[in-house]
Amino acid sequence: MMNHIRLHEGFPLLPHPRARAVIDTQALIQNYHTLLGPVKAVSPHTYAIAVVKADAYGHGIRPVVSALLEAGCRSFAVACLEEAVALRRLLRELLTGTASDLETDILVLGYTDPQNAPILAAYHISTALLSAEYAFRLLACAAEARVTVKGHIALDTGMNRIGFPAQDFRSVRDTVKRLAAMTRQRTLRLEGVFSHLAAADEPMGSRGEALTHKQVERFRAVCAGLEAETDTPLLYHLCNSAGTLRLPKDLLDGYRLGILLYGAHPSSDFSLPVRSVMRLVTR
């Protein structure tokens, strides 16, 4: 596969540019397989979710997704609904005549306006369920539009940004009860549960490491509670790039690969033979 050269997604590439970014898609494919190798040795059934938000971290959504599809990736995450719709349209274009684009999952990690429930359904996009109040409004809009939406529950295990509370015994118990009830909602197809590690990139022995282990314990407590309360099969994913390297035994069903895919280490504490996907050239 050839390198891709880009200036800006909306700009034409004119002859003799003064500066350009060169995107090495072979490096991206190599990084993907490099990161999959150790995981498959420990958790052969765990799958990778490629995070391609912000125009694939500025690398260009088209060359990046094309390369990842070639590498075998079938699950992607983005930040917002606009990115998800653009990605679904791109997948339909890239996979025409070879496979159904609906075999490829798209998850919105951020906020989606509940009134856009029909768009979520039309484009087969999963969205993060950020809180009980938010989930109630989304399901009400879905019922009004007579559609079913797909979602992954966001848990707040210690990041303190978004998610159902899960930081002590009482909040874990209450959240499990709420989520078990949500699995019975006809306008919701609950697909998974996830959280985000706040400090997995911090040094061993630090306060960040202690918080990471607490987050893992809290997340596993919710998983165990849900498995006891409901028969609905759910996908559990907790680890980001740093967590994937540091906690291979806690990858559960899936793990989200972000900056590592593009050749950047989460911090100086990590060393892995990944190659930089972007090279800047000027004259």
Protein backbone atom coordinates (compact mmCIF):
# COMPACT_ATOMS: atom_id res chain seq x y z
CA MET A 1 0.00 0.00 0.00
CA MET A 2 1.34 3.43 -0.95
CA ASN A 3 1.88 6.34 1.39
CA HIS A 4 -0.85 8.98 1.46
CA ILE A 5 0.02 12.66 1.33
CA ARG A 6 -2.30 15.20 2.84
CA LEU A 7 -2.48 18.86 3.85
CA HIS A 8 -6.00 19.19 5.24
CA GLU A 9 -9.05 17.03 4.62
CA GLY A 10 -10.85 19.86 2.81
CA PHE A 11 -7.90 21.28 0.87
CA PRO A 12 -6.85 20.25 -2.66
CA LEU A 13 -3.34 18.83 -2.97
CA LEU A 14 -1.68 21.19 -5.47
CA PRO A 15 1.65 20.57 -7.21
CA HIS A 16 4.86 21.39 -5.31
CA PRO A 17 3.42 21.90 -1.81
CA ARG A 18 5.67 23.70 0.68
CA ALA A 19 4.70 21.38 3.54
CA ARG A 20 2.82 18.11 3.73
CA ALA A 21 2.10 15.17 5.99
CA VAL A 22 3.00 11.73 4.66
CA ILE A 23 0.86 8.92 6.08
CA ASP A 24 2.53 5.49 6.07
CA THR A 25 -0.37 3.05 6.01
CA GLN A 26 1.98 0.06 6.06
CA ALA A 27 3.29 1.29 9.41
CA LEU A 28 -0.31 1.51 10.63
CA ILE A 29 -1.04 -2.08 9.60
CA GLN A 30 2.19 -3.25 11.20
CA ASN A 31 1.33 -1.42 14.43
CA TYR A 32 -2.11 -3.02 14.48
CA HIS A 33 -0.68 -6.53 14.21
CA THR A 34 2.11 -5.73 16.68
CA LEU A 35 -0.47 -4.71 19.27
CA LEU A 36 -2.72 -7.69 18.56
CA GLY A 37 0.05 -10.26 18.97
CA PRO A 38 0.60 -10.15 22.76
CA VAL A 39 -3.13 -9.79 23.40
CA LYS A 40 -4.06 -12.85 21.36
CA ALA A 41 -1.50 -14.88 23.30
CA VAL A 42 -3.30 -14.04 26.57
CA SER A 43 -6.91 -13.48 25.44
CA PRO A 44 -7.48 -15.10 22.03
CA HIS A 45 -11.15 -14.04 21.83
CA THR A 46 -10.60 -10.39 22.78
CA TYR A 47 -11.07 -7.92 19.93
CA ALA A 48 -9.55 -4.53 19.19
CA ILE A 49 -11.60 -1.36 18.83
CA ALA A 50 -9.71 1.16 16.69
CA VAL A 51 -10.27 4.74 17.86
CA VAL A 52 -10.42 6.98 14.77
CA LYS A 53 -11.84 10.15 16.30
CA ALA A 54 -10.75 13.63 15.14
CA ASP A 55 -10.13 12.51 11.56
CA ALA A 56 -8.10 9.54 12.85
CA TYR A 57 -6.00 11.78 15.11
CA GLY A 58 -5.28 14.02 12.12
CA HIS A 59 -4.00 11.19 9.92
CA GLY A 60 -7.02 11.14 7.61
CA ILE A 61 -10.04 8.93 8.12
CA ARG A 62 -10.02 7.43 4.61
CA PRO A 63 -6.44 6.09 4.44
CA VAL A 64 -6.52 4.98 8.08
CA VAL A 65 -9.83 3.10 7.90
CA SER A 66 -8.90 1.57 4.54
CA ALA A 67 -5.67 0.23 6.03
CA LEU A 68 -7.33 -1.04 9.21
CA LEU A 69 -9.99 -2.87 7.20
CA GLU A 70 -7.19 -4.52 5.22
CA ALA A 71 -5.59 -5.53 8.53
CA GLY A 72 -8.84 -7.18 9.62
CA CYS A 73 -10.24 -4.58 12.01
CA ARG A 74 -14.05 -4.57 12.19
CA SER A 75 -14.75 -2.31 15.16
CA PHE A 76 -14.25 1.46 15.36
CA ALA A 77 -14.89 4.23 17.89
CA VAL A 78 -15.35 7.95 17.29
CA ALA A 79 -16.11 11.00 19.42
CA CYS A 80 -19.40 12.30 17.99
CA LEU A 81 -22.34 11.42 15.77
CA GLU A 82 -21.08 13.48 12.82
CA GLU A 83 -17.89 11.42 12.74
CA ALA A 84 -19.92 8.21 13.01
CA VAL A 85 -22.21 9.05 10.08
CA ALA A 86 -19.22 10.02 7.92
CA LEU A 87 -17.50 6.77 8.88
CA ARG A 88 -20.56 4.65 8.05
CA ARG A 89 -20.81 6.29 4.63
CA LEU A 90 -17.10 5.64 4.06
CA LEU A 91 -17.46 1.99 5.09
CA ARG A 92 -20.35 1.55 2.67
CA GLU A 93 -18.14 2.90 -0.09
CA LEU A 94 -15.04 0.88 0.81
CA LEU A 95 -16.83 -2.43 1.38
CA THR A 96 -19.16 -2.34 -1.62
CA GLY A 97 -19.12 -5.71 -3.34
CA THR A 98 -16.86 -7.36 -0.73
CA ALA A 99 -18.74 -7.44 2.57
CA SER A 100 -21.60 -5.79 4.36
CA ASP A 101 -20.62 -2.58 6.13
CA LEU A 102 -23.08 -3.57 8.87
CA GLU A 103 -20.61 -6.27 9.93
CA THR A 104 -18.43 -3.38 11.08
CA ASP A 105 -19.32 -1.77 14.41
CA ILE A 106 -19.20 1.97 15.13
CA LEU A 107 -19.39 3.34 18.67
CA VAL A 108 -19.78 7.01 19.59
CA LEU A 109 -17.83 7.57 22.82
CA GLY A 110 -19.24 11.04 23.51
CA TYR A 111 -22.61 12.78 23.71
CA THR A 112 -25.30 12.26 21.07
CA ASP A 113 -28.40 14.44 21.21
CA PRO A 114 -31.33 12.11 22.08
CA GLN A 115 -33.40 13.72 19.32
CA ASN A 116 -31.00 12.12 16.85
CA ALA A 117 -32.21 8.63 17.76
CA PRO A 118 -33.56 8.11 14.20
CA ILE A 119 -30.09 8.85 12.78
CA LEU A 120 -28.48 6.36 15.15
CA ALA A 121 -30.95 3.72 14.00
CA ALA A 122 -30.71 4.54 10.29
CA TYR A 123 -26.91 4.32 10.24
CA HIS A 124 -26.66 1.36 12.67
CA ILE A 125 -24.52 3.33 15.12
CA SER A 126 -24.07 2.55 18.82
CA THR A 127 -23.80 5.43 21.24
CA ALA A 128 -22.53 5.82 24.78
CA LEU A 129 -25.24 5.94 27.43
CA LEU A 130 -23.78 8.61 29.68
CA SER A 131 -26.17 8.61 32.65
CA ALA A 132 -29.56 7.33 33.76
CA GLU A 133 -31.20 10.66 32.90
CA TYR A 134 -29.59 10.69 29.47
CA ALA A 135 -30.61 7.09 28.75
CA PHE A 136 -34.22 7.87 29.72
CA ARG A 137 -34.35 10.81 27.29
CA LEU A 138 -32.74 8.81 24.48
CA LEU A 139 -35.20 5.93 24.89
CA ALA A 140 -38.13 8.35 25.01
CA CYS A 141 -37.02 9.88 21.71
CA ALA A 142 -36.50 6.42 20.21
CA ALA A 143 -40.00 5.38 21.26
CA GLU A 144 -41.49 8.55 19.79
CA ALA A 145 -39.69 7.89 16.50
CA ARG A 146 -40.58 4.17 16.64
CA VAL A 147 -36.97 3.05 16.28
CA THR A 148 -34.60 0.91 18.32
CA VAL A 149 -31.20 2.33 19.23
CA LYS A 150 -27.99 0.51 20.11
CA GLY A 151 -25.87 1.56 23.06
CA HIS A 152 -22.92 0.86 25.33
CA ILE A 153 -23.22 1.83 29.00
CA ALA A 154 -20.52 4.24 30.18
CA LEU A 155 -19.40 3.63 33.78
CA ASP A 156 -17.67 6.22 35.95
CA THR A 157 -15.17 4.05 37.82
CA GLY A 158 -12.84 6.94 38.63
CA MET A 159 -12.33 9.14 35.57
CA ASN A 160 -15.06 11.50 36.88
CA ARG A 161 -16.09 12.66 33.42
CA ILE A 162 -19.09 10.69 32.21
CA GLY A 163 -20.95 7.53 33.13
CA PHE A 164 -23.20 5.75 35.59
CA PRO A 165 -21.65 5.92 39.09
CA ALA A 166 -19.56 2.89 40.07
CA GLN A 167 -17.06 3.99 42.73
CA ASP A 168 -18.28 2.23 45.89
CA PHE A 169 -20.42 -0.74 46.92
CA ARG A 170 -23.67 1.24 47.03
CA SER A 171 -23.23 2.96 43.66
CA VAL A 172 -22.20 -0.33 42.02
CA ARG A 173 -25.29 -2.06 43.44
CA ASP A 174 -27.64 0.74 42.33
CA THR A 175 -26.08 0.94 38.87
CA VAL A 176 -26.39 -2.82 38.34
CA LYS A 177 -30.12 -2.62 39.17
CA ARG A 178 -30.65 0.28 36.76
CA LEU A 179 -28.75 -1.44 33.95
CA ALA A 180 -30.51 -4.76 34.44
CA ALA A 181 -33.83 -2.95 34.01
CA MET A 182 -32.55 -1.23 30.87
CA THR A 183 -31.79 -4.56 29.20
CA ARG A 184 -35.56 -5.14 29.12
CA GLN A 185 -36.36 -1.92 27.24
CA ARG A 186 -37.75 -2.67 23.78
CA THR A 187 -36.40 0.52 22.20
CA LEU A 188 -32.84 -0.21 23.35
CA ARG A 189 -30.46 -2.89 22.15
CA LEU A 190 -27.86 -2.84 24.89
CA GLU A 191 -24.60 -4.11 23.40
CA GLY A 192 -21.85 -3.38 25.88
CA VAL A 193 -20.43 -1.73 28.98
CA PHE A 194 -17.25 0.33 29.13
CA SER A 195 -15.21 2.68 31.25
CA HIS A 196 -12.02 4.68 30.82
CA LEU A 197 -8.81 4.33 32.83
CA ALA A 198 -7.79 7.74 34.14
CA ALA A 199 -4.14 7.06 34.96
CA ALA A 200 -3.01 3.80 33.34
CA ASP A 201 -0.09 5.65 31.74
CA GLU A 202 1.39 6.74 35.09
CA PRO A 203 4.50 5.02 36.54
CA MET A 204 4.35 1.76 38.46
CA GLY A 205 4.10 2.37 42.19
CA SER A 206 2.42 5.76 41.74
CA ARG A 207 -0.98 6.92 42.98
CA GLY A 208 -2.12 6.51 39.39
CA GLU A 209 -1.34 2.79 39.47
CA ALA A 210 -3.39 2.40 42.65
CA LEU A 211 -6.33 4.22 41.05
CA THR A 212 -6.07 1.98 37.97
CA HIS A 213 -6.40 -1.17 40.07
CA LYS A 214 -9.37 0.34 41.91
CA GLN A 215 -11.05 1.12 38.58
CA VAL A 216 -10.52 -2.46 37.41
CA GLU A 217 -12.08 -3.81 40.62
CA ARG A 218 -15.09 -1.51 40.33
CA PHE A 219 -15.62 -2.35 36.68
CA ARG A 220 -15.42 -6.08 37.34
CA ALA A 221 -17.92 -5.70 40.19
CA VAL A 222 -20.47 -4.20 37.78
CA CYS A 223 -19.76 -6.93 35.21
CA ALA A 224 -20.31 -9.65 37.82
CA GLY A 225 -23.50 -8.00 39.03
CA LEU A 226 -24.93 -7.73 35.53
CA GLU A 227 -24.09 -11.33 34.70
CA ALA A 228 -25.97 -12.38 37.83
CA GLU A 229 -29.00 -10.16 37.11
CA THR A 230 -29.55 -10.62 33.38
CA ASP A 231 -29.07 -13.13 30.57
CA THR A 232 -28.37 -10.41 27.99
CA PRO A 233 -24.93 -11.01 26.43
CA LEU A 234 -22.82 -7.85 26.74
CA LEU A 235 -19.37 -6.81 25.55
CA TYR A 236 -17.13 -5.41 28.28
CA HIS A 237 -14.23 -3.09 27.37
CA LEU A 238 -12.14 -1.07 29.79
CA CYS A 239 -8.55 -0.72 28.59
CA ASN A 240 -7.20 2.15 26.50
CA SER A 241 -3.77 2.10 24.83
CA ALA A 242 -1.87 2.28 28.14
CA GLY A 243 -4.18 -0.21 29.83
CA THR A 244 -3.72 -2.67 26.96
CA LEU A 245 0.03 -2.75 27.62
CA ARG A 246 -0.14 -2.64 31.42
CA LEU A 247 -3.14 -4.89 32.13
CA PRO A 248 -3.23 -7.71 29.54
CA LYS A 249 -5.20 -9.94 31.94
CA ASP A 250 -7.92 -7.30 32.33
CA LEU A 251 -8.78 -6.78 28.67
CA LEU A 252 -12.13 -8.59 29.03
CA ASP A 253 -14.01 -8.73 25.69
CA GLY A 254 -12.44 -5.73 23.95
CA TYR A 255 -9.83 -3.01 24.24
CA ARG A 256 -9.61 0.42 22.64
CA LEU A 257 -6.47 1.33 20.71
CA GLY A 258 -5.86 5.05 20.22
CA ILE A 259 -2.51 6.79 20.00
CA LEU A 260 -0.55 3.53 20.05
CA LEU A 261 -2.02 2.64 16.66
CA TYR A 262 -0.42 5.74 15.21
CA GLY A 263 3.01 5.05 16.70
CA ALA A 264 2.90 7.26 19.81
CA HIS A 265 3.51 5.76 23.25
CA PRO A 266 1.16 6.83 26.09
CA SER A 267 4.19 7.85 28.19
CA SER A 268 7.94 7.29 28.51
CA ASP A 269 7.24 4.28 30.76
CA PHE A 270 6.27 2.21 27.72
CA SER A 271 8.44 0.76 24.99
CA LEU A 272 6.95 -1.17 22.12
CA PRO A 273 8.17 -1.54 18.52
CA VAL A 274 5.47 0.63 16.94
CA ARG A 275 6.31 2.92 14.06
CA SER A 276 5.23 6.52 13.57
CA VAL A 277 2.48 6.62 10.96
CA MET A 278 2.82 10.34 10.16
CA ARG A 279 5.92 12.06 8.80
CA LEU A 280 6.04 15.83 8.25
CA VAL A 281 7.93 17.06 5.21
CA THR A 282 8.71 20.66 4.30
CA ARG A 283 11.19 22.70 2.26
